[in-house]
Structure formats: structure tokens, C-alpha cells
Amino acid sequence: MALDHYVSQVHLKNFYAPALGQEMYGVRKRDLKVFPCNSRSQCRIPDGSSNKYLVEPRFVEEFLKTVEPKYNAAVETLRSGAVSGEAIYVISGFIGFVTSCSPAAMRLNRAWLEKFVESTTRQMDYMGKLSPVPDELGGETISSMLASGKVFVDVDPKYPQAIGISNILERTAAVGNSSWEILIARTSDRSFMTSDYPCAVQRSIGSPIFARIVPLAADIAIRIYPRRRVDRRLLESALQNDFPHFRYRRKNLGASEVGDVNRRIIRCAEMNVYSSVMNTSVRNFINKNRNFRTETVSTINSSEQGDLLFFQQREMPFNYD
């Protein structure tokens, strides 16, 4: 059984600590345990990239062959101030992979899918398209049993992963055709951290769509203002490393701004945070921000015609203690 990484090793290696050589500092959010670790030992689960719902169960591994070998070159391109279609594809593909295959992504995407199934079930029950509930179960309707918790929807997390993998090229095209801020840490005493879900969310002023913050290396990150829709033309263009709607600007960050990015990375991490630096100040900073995680928040507007569902991923309080 293969141990598959859901955050690429080539990404994690960019956060190795100079003081440790070929290792970085890991911090467990649950108990603040600090542990030196290498990229190979982290962010991996048995058969994490295999999915029985797909015709090609290991399809994502083939996709990663177009991304991971070019990751460092893509980061260096952005770091140098240049931008290329290949660099955009590689970074966008990495983000598409993490937001499809990581345990956090499966949990988040499972949540909206369960809400969708619940809503569809209630609507079908209302329209009389479901068989009556057996008398042995109390003679209630399926809708009332859903409302009381006697019946609940439990989606296999591998199913939303399969949806994400099957749409990974669309995800890549969407990210690549968005507006990016390339964030450079211009400070000697602060560097970017990463995590087991290095795709933090941030509310965008004046927009219902949340921005994403993704650390790429200890000295560089990106903030993405995502595009809502991707048509077939943009998908085909992305396969040719062409992203016609891509826009970017570079922004040098001071210590306080790097700290704000790290705060979001810590809060949106699933279980572990990784850093190239470790001291009392860093540990205290992680402790202050650890009891949060990314959640799927749903809003349902019901009417006689059915439910209108809205979903957003947000940074929410979560007790790890």
C-alpha cells in the first residue's frame, strides 16, 4: 500500500530550517508539541491518491508529474519578478491538488455535499417521490427524521475527492486565470510558515468570494482573488500554459504583514504547522492562533420551489484541546 503525500514533498522542503539542515520544525496544533521532521515523513496517508470512484484510480499521480518536478523552478520564476505560463500552471496545479486530495479538503468538500444530499432528499420527500418510511421506524417522514437526527447523510470522503480530482484541470484553470498578489517577505526576522493544508482563506473587502493565501517557500507566498467561472476555452488554454485573464502584482511585506499571513496559515491548518524557524516567540504565536480551522459554512434559503444553497469556506474557531 503506497504512502501518498497530499502536500507535495517539494513544497515542504522549501521550509527546511537552516539550523536543522534537511529538516523543518513541525508543531502539532493539538498540544503544541514541537518535532523536527523531514518532508518524507509528513503529510502522507496510505493510498491517499488512489480513488475507487475514478476510471483511472491513480489519475492524480499522472497529473502531478506535470507539476511537482517543475515546482522549484516555478517558485524561482515568481521570486525573480518574472512570470511565465508554465509557472502559473505549476503553482495553480499544486493548489488544485491540495484543495482536492488533502484530508482537510475532503472534510470541507464532504460537508457541502452532505448538505446538498439532505436538501435534495427533503425536496423529493415534499414532492412525494420517495417511498414511505416503514412503520417499524415510527411512521415519520424522511424529512422529519433528518430534522431530528434519527437519519443523517454520511458521504464517503473519497467521493468528494473523486469530484475534485476529476475537476482538477478546471481548478487549475480557475486559479491561473485569477488575480494574484506575489508576497515577498522582506525581513530578516520573519519568514512564512506552511501547514498540512497550506491554502488559507481571507475575506475579500467588497466581494462575497474569499481570497486564498498560499505559502510557496519561506520567503514567498501568493494571495489569490479567485475567478468564479471557467469556460471550456480557458480550460483548453490552460493545457497550453496560457492564462489570458491572469493578473498579478508584487508586494513586499514587512514583519507585521508576514505575521498576518502566518496567522491565517496557522488558523487554517488542519493538524500541523511547519516552520523554518523555532523559538519561544514563534511557539507562543502558534499557541495564540491554533484553536481555529477552515470550515464549510452553508446558508440555505428555502421556498416552495426548493432550497437555494450557498457554501463558503471560512476560518472558524475550533477547540483542539
Protein backbone atom coordinates (compact mmCIF):
# COMPACT_ATOMS: atom_id res chain seq x y z
CA MET A 1 0.00 0.00 0.00
CA ALA A 2 1.52 3.29 -1.14
CA LEU A 3 2.01 6.16 1.29
CA ASP A 4 0.92 9.13 -0.79
CA HIS A 5 1.72 12.73 0.06
CA TYR A 6 -1.24 15.10 0.00
CA VAL A 7 1.11 18.09 0.30
CA SER A 8 3.99 17.70 -2.12
CA GLN A 9 7.42 16.99 -0.64
CA VAL A 10 8.98 19.54 -2.97
CA HIS A 11 6.78 22.20 -1.33
CA LEU A 12 7.65 21.16 2.23
CA LYS A 13 11.39 21.16 1.51
CA ASN A 14 11.18 24.89 0.87
CA PHE A 15 10.53 25.34 4.59
CA TYR A 16 13.55 23.44 5.89
CA ALA A 17 15.27 25.13 8.81
CA PRO A 18 18.87 26.30 8.30
CA ALA A 19 19.58 25.25 11.89
CA LEU A 20 18.39 21.69 11.19
CA GLY A 21 19.81 21.04 7.74
CA GLN A 22 17.46 18.66 5.93
CA GLU A 23 14.58 19.10 8.35
CA MET A 24 11.99 21.64 9.44
CA TYR A 25 10.15 22.31 12.67
CA GLY A 26 6.72 20.73 12.96
CA VAL A 27 4.23 21.92 15.56
CA ARG A 28 1.12 19.92 16.42
CA LYS A 29 -1.87 22.19 16.97
CA ARG A 30 -3.49 19.81 19.45
CA ASP A 31 -0.80 20.03 22.13
CA LEU A 32 1.89 22.39 20.75
CA LYS A 33 4.41 19.55 20.55
CA VAL A 34 7.44 20.69 18.52
CA PHE A 35 9.17 17.99 16.48
CA PRO A 36 11.95 18.16 13.87
CA CYS A 37 10.87 16.35 10.72
CA ASN A 38 11.69 15.92 7.05
CA SER A 39 9.33 16.21 4.11
CA ARG A 40 9.08 12.47 3.55
CA SER A 41 7.60 11.79 6.99
CA GLN A 42 4.84 14.40 6.81
CA CYS A 43 1.50 14.90 5.05
CA ARG A 44 1.09 11.36 3.77
CA ILE A 45 -1.57 8.68 4.15
CA PRO A 46 -1.92 5.13 2.78
CA ASP A 47 -3.25 5.19 -0.78
CA GLY A 48 -4.19 8.83 -0.36
CA SER A 49 -4.03 9.45 -4.12
CA SER A 50 -5.96 6.31 -5.08
CA ASN A 51 -9.68 6.68 -5.67
CA LYS A 52 -12.01 3.80 -6.48
CA TYR A 53 -14.68 6.12 -7.90
CA LEU A 54 -12.46 7.09 -10.83
CA VAL A 55 -11.95 5.10 -14.03
CA GLU A 56 -8.23 5.73 -13.54
CA PRO A 57 -7.84 5.42 -9.74
CA ARG A 58 -4.32 6.94 -9.75
CA PHE A 59 -5.06 9.72 -12.23
CA VAL A 60 -3.89 12.47 -9.89
CA GLU A 61 -0.41 10.93 -9.74
CA GLU A 62 -0.13 11.35 -13.51
CA PHE A 63 -1.27 14.96 -13.17
CA LEU A 64 1.37 15.60 -10.50
CA LYS A 65 4.10 14.54 -12.94
CA THR A 66 3.36 17.79 -14.80
CA VAL A 67 3.57 19.83 -11.58
CA GLU A 68 5.97 18.59 -8.91
CA PRO A 69 9.20 18.31 -10.98
CA LYS A 70 8.79 21.97 -12.01
CA TYR A 71 7.71 23.39 -8.64
CA ASN A 72 11.06 24.85 -7.57
CA ALA A 73 11.65 26.43 -10.97
CA ALA A 74 8.17 27.97 -10.87
CA VAL A 75 8.79 29.45 -7.41
CA GLU A 76 12.13 30.83 -8.55
CA THR A 77 10.44 32.43 -11.56
CA LEU A 78 7.95 34.24 -9.32
CA ARG A 79 10.70 35.14 -6.86
CA SER A 80 12.78 36.75 -9.60
CA GLY A 81 9.97 39.07 -10.61
CA ALA A 82 9.17 37.28 -13.85
CA VAL A 83 6.02 35.34 -14.67
CA SER A 84 5.61 32.55 -17.21
CA GLY A 85 2.68 30.43 -18.33
CA GLU A 86 4.44 27.32 -17.08
CA ALA A 87 5.00 28.82 -13.63
CA ILE A 88 1.32 29.79 -13.41
CA TYR A 89 0.27 26.27 -14.42
CA VAL A 90 2.57 24.58 -11.91
CA ILE A 91 1.56 26.70 -8.92
CA SER A 92 -2.13 26.56 -9.87
CA GLY A 93 -1.90 22.79 -10.28
CA PHE A 94 -0.30 22.43 -6.85
CA ILE A 95 -3.16 24.41 -5.31
CA GLY A 96 -5.73 22.36 -7.23
CA PHE A 97 -4.11 19.18 -5.89
CA VAL A 98 -4.07 20.27 -2.24
CA THR A 99 -7.66 21.55 -2.36
CA SER A 100 -8.80 18.21 -3.81
CA CYS A 101 -6.78 15.49 -2.11
CA SER A 102 -5.76 16.56 1.38
CA PRO A 103 -7.75 15.32 4.42
CA ALA A 104 -8.84 18.90 5.10
CA ALA A 105 -10.10 19.28 1.53
CA MET A 106 -12.05 16.02 1.72
CA ARG A 107 -13.63 17.11 5.02
CA LEU A 108 -14.57 20.53 3.63
CA ASN A 109 -15.96 19.21 0.36
CA ARG A 110 -17.77 16.38 2.11
CA ALA A 111 -19.64 18.94 4.25
CA TRP A 112 -21.25 20.77 1.33
CA LEU A 113 -22.07 17.53 -0.45
CA GLU A 114 -23.89 16.18 2.62
CA LYS A 115 -25.93 19.39 2.85
CA PHE A 116 -26.78 19.09 -0.83
CA VAL A 117 -27.97 15.48 -0.43
CA GLU A 118 -30.07 16.46 2.61
CA SER A 119 -31.71 19.30 0.70
CA THR A 120 -32.43 17.10 -2.33
CA THR A 121 -33.90 14.38 -0.09
CA ARG A 122 -36.25 16.84 1.63
CA GLN A 123 -37.39 18.22 -1.72
CA MET A 124 -38.06 14.74 -3.11
CA ASP A 125 -39.97 13.87 0.06
CA TYR A 126 -42.07 17.04 -0.29
CA MET A 127 -42.88 16.12 -3.90
CA GLY A 128 -43.88 12.57 -2.93
CA LYS A 129 -41.12 10.92 -4.90
CA LEU A 130 -39.80 8.80 -2.02
CA SER A 131 -41.26 5.58 -0.67
CA PRO A 132 -42.96 5.87 2.75
CA VAL A 133 -40.80 5.24 5.79
CA PRO A 134 -41.55 1.74 7.22
CA ASP A 135 -43.89 1.68 10.23
CA GLU A 136 -41.17 -0.07 12.21
CA LEU A 137 -39.24 3.22 12.13
CA GLY A 138 -42.07 5.17 13.69
CA GLY A 139 -44.05 6.19 10.64
CA GLU A 140 -42.31 9.54 10.37
CA THR A 141 -41.35 11.21 7.13
CA ILE A 142 -37.76 11.13 6.00
CA SER A 143 -37.71 14.94 6.31
CA SER A 144 -38.72 14.84 9.98
CA MET A 145 -36.18 12.11 10.66
CA LEU A 146 -33.46 14.23 9.05
CA ALA A 147 -34.55 17.19 11.17
CA SER A 148 -34.47 15.18 14.40
CA GLY A 149 -31.17 13.49 13.63
CA LYS A 150 -32.65 9.99 13.53
CA VAL A 151 -31.40 9.80 9.95
CA PHE A 152 -28.31 11.55 8.69
CA VAL A 153 -26.29 11.74 5.50
CA ASP A 154 -22.78 10.26 5.66
CA VAL A 155 -20.78 10.76 2.47
CA ASP A 156 -17.63 8.74 1.85
CA PRO A 157 -14.85 11.40 1.88
CA LYS A 158 -13.31 9.69 -1.13
CA TYR A 159 -16.33 10.69 -3.21
CA PRO A 160 -15.78 14.47 -2.98
CA GLN A 161 -12.09 13.74 -3.54
CA ALA A 162 -13.05 11.99 -6.78
CA ILE A 163 -15.07 15.04 -7.83
CA GLY A 164 -12.10 17.27 -7.05
CA ILE A 165 -9.65 15.09 -8.97
CA SER A 166 -11.95 14.82 -11.99
CA ASN A 167 -12.18 18.64 -11.99
CA ILE A 168 -8.53 19.30 -11.20
CA LEU A 169 -7.79 20.84 -14.59
CA GLU A 170 -10.76 23.19 -14.14
CA ARG A 171 -9.41 24.12 -10.69
CA THR A 172 -6.01 24.78 -12.23
CA ALA A 173 -7.53 26.97 -14.94
CA ALA A 174 -9.61 28.89 -12.38
CA VAL A 175 -6.62 29.67 -10.17
CA GLY A 176 -4.40 30.50 -13.12
CA ASN A 177 -6.95 32.94 -14.55
CA SER A 178 -7.33 34.81 -11.27
CA SER A 179 -5.64 37.90 -9.89
CA TRP A 180 -2.55 37.16 -7.79
CA GLU A 181 -0.53 39.13 -5.30
CA ILE A 182 3.01 37.78 -5.09
CA LEU A 183 4.03 38.38 -1.48
CA ILE A 184 7.74 38.71 -0.69
CA ALA A 185 8.99 38.55 2.91
CA ARG A 186 11.48 41.43 3.08
CA THR A 187 12.50 40.92 6.68
CA SER A 188 15.32 39.02 8.33
CA ASP A 189 13.38 38.04 11.45
CA ARG A 190 10.14 36.72 9.93
CA SER A 191 9.51 34.02 7.32
CA PHE A 192 6.39 32.34 6.03
CA MET A 193 5.16 29.10 7.58
CA THR A 194 3.26 26.30 5.90
CA SER A 195 0.98 23.51 7.07
CA ASP A 196 -0.81 20.28 6.22
CA TYR A 197 -3.42 22.44 4.45
CA PRO A 198 -1.44 25.39 3.04
CA CYS A 199 -4.44 27.13 1.47
CA ALA A 200 -5.65 29.71 3.97
CA VAL A 201 -8.76 31.79 3.38
CA GLN A 202 -9.19 35.53 3.79
CA ARG A 203 -12.29 37.66 3.40
CA SER A 204 -12.07 39.99 0.41
CA ILE A 205 -13.28 43.53 1.02
CA GLY A 206 -16.28 44.30 -1.19
CA SER A 207 -16.59 40.75 -2.53
CA PRO A 208 -18.52 37.64 -1.38
CA ILE A 209 -15.63 35.48 -2.60
CA PHE A 210 -12.86 34.72 -0.14
CA ALA A 211 -9.25 35.14 -1.22
CA ARG A 212 -6.75 32.30 -0.74
CA ILE A 213 -3.29 32.70 0.74
CA VAL A 214 -0.77 30.02 -0.22
CA PRO A 215 2.83 29.96 1.06
CA LEU A 216 5.23 28.73 -1.62
CA ALA A 217 8.53 28.92 0.29
CA ALA A 218 9.81 30.55 3.46
CA ASP A 219 10.31 33.87 1.64
CA ILE A 220 7.42 33.94 -0.83
CA ALA A 221 3.65 33.42 -0.79
CA ILE A 222 0.71 34.34 -3.02
CA ARG A 223 -2.71 35.79 -2.34
CA ILE A 224 -5.29 34.76 -4.95
CA TYR A 225 -8.56 36.52 -5.71
CA PRO A 226 -10.33 33.65 -7.46
CA ARG A 227 -12.26 33.72 -10.68
CA ARG A 228 -15.84 32.47 -10.36
CA ARG A 229 -16.28 30.62 -13.63
CA VAL A 230 -14.09 28.78 -16.10
CA ASP A 231 -15.41 28.03 -19.57
CA ARG A 232 -14.13 25.39 -21.96
CA ARG A 233 -11.86 27.83 -23.77
CA LEU A 234 -9.98 28.71 -20.59
CA LEU A 235 -9.55 25.02 -19.77
CA GLU A 236 -8.09 24.29 -23.20
CA SER A 237 -5.82 27.34 -22.93
CA ALA A 238 -4.56 26.22 -19.52
CA LEU A 239 -3.38 22.94 -21.03
CA GLN A 240 -1.16 25.08 -23.27
CA ASN A 241 0.13 27.14 -20.31
CA ASP A 242 -1.94 30.09 -21.49
CA PHE A 243 -3.93 32.04 -18.89
CA PRO A 244 -5.44 35.09 -20.62
CA HIS A 245 -7.17 36.50 -17.53
CA PHE A 246 -4.15 36.19 -15.24
CA ARG A 247 -3.19 39.40 -13.47
CA TYR A 248 -0.58 39.95 -10.80
CA ARG A 249 1.29 42.46 -8.73
CA ARG A 250 4.24 42.09 -6.39
CA LYS A 251 4.10 43.26 -2.82
CA ASN A 252 6.99 43.43 -0.34
CA LEU A 253 5.88 42.62 3.20
CA GLY A 254 7.33 43.83 6.46
CA ALA A 255 7.41 41.83 9.69
CA SER A 256 3.86 42.67 10.79
CA GLU A 257 2.40 41.78 7.38
CA VAL A 258 4.30 38.47 7.29
CA GLY A 259 2.89 37.83 10.76
CA ASP A 260 -0.64 38.42 9.49
CA VAL A 261 -0.12 35.89 6.68
CA ASN A 262 1.27 33.35 9.17
CA ARG A 263 -1.68 33.90 11.49
CA ARG A 264 -4.03 32.83 8.71
CA ILE A 265 -1.85 29.87 7.75
CA ILE A 266 -1.83 28.63 11.35
CA ARG A 267 -5.56 29.12 11.82
CA CYS A 268 -6.44 27.30 8.59
CA ALA A 269 -4.04 24.39 9.17
CA GLU A 270 -5.69 21.04 9.84
CA MET A 271 -3.38 19.37 12.38
CA ASN A 272 0.23 20.51 11.91
CA VAL A 273 2.13 23.73 11.20
CA TYR A 274 5.66 23.75 9.73
CA SER A 275 8.28 26.46 10.14
CA SER A 276 11.90 27.12 9.20
CA VAL A 277 12.38 28.98 12.49
CA MET A 278 11.53 27.98 16.04
CA ASN A 279 11.82 29.95 19.27
CA THR A 280 9.62 30.95 22.19
CA SER A 281 8.04 33.79 20.23
CA VAL A 282 7.08 31.53 17.31
CA ARG A 283 5.67 28.87 19.63
CA ASN A 284 3.61 31.46 21.52
CA PHE A 285 2.32 32.87 18.24
CA ILE A 286 1.18 29.41 17.13
CA ASN A 287 -0.44 28.82 20.53
CA LYS A 288 -2.37 32.08 20.24
CA ASN A 289 -3.82 31.11 16.84
CA ARG A 290 -4.10 27.33 16.95
CA ASN A 291 -7.74 26.94 18.05
CA PHE A 292 -9.17 27.68 14.62
CA ARG A 293 -9.53 25.72 11.40
CA THR A 294 -11.16 26.03 7.99
CA GLU A 295 -14.84 25.08 7.91
CA THR A 296 -17.53 24.90 5.25
CA VAL A 297 -20.32 27.31 6.18
CA SER A 298 -23.69 26.80 4.49
CA THR A 299 -26.62 29.16 4.03
CA ILE A 300 -29.96 27.72 2.91
CA ASN A 301 -32.81 29.84 1.57
CA SER A 302 -35.93 27.67 1.39
CA SER A 303 -39.08 28.24 -0.66
CA GLU A 304 -41.87 26.18 -2.22
CA GLN A 305 -39.71 25.81 -5.30
CA GLY A 306 -36.88 24.27 -3.30
CA ASP A 307 -33.71 25.26 -1.47
CA LEU A 308 -31.10 27.73 -2.63
CA LEU A 309 -27.79 26.72 -1.09
CA PHE A 310 -24.69 28.87 -0.64
CA PHE A 311 -21.38 27.50 0.60
CA GLN A 312 -18.22 29.26 1.73
CA GLN A 313 -15.01 28.14 3.36
CA ARG A 314 -14.18 30.28 6.36
CA GLU A 315 -11.69 30.44 9.18
CA MET A 316 -13.70 29.43 12.28
CA PRO A 317 -12.99 28.78 16.00
CA PHE A 318 -12.23 25.13 16.76
CA ASN A 319 -11.09 23.70 20.08
CA TYR A 320 -8.05 21.42 19.66
CA ASP A 321 -7.63 20.90 23.41
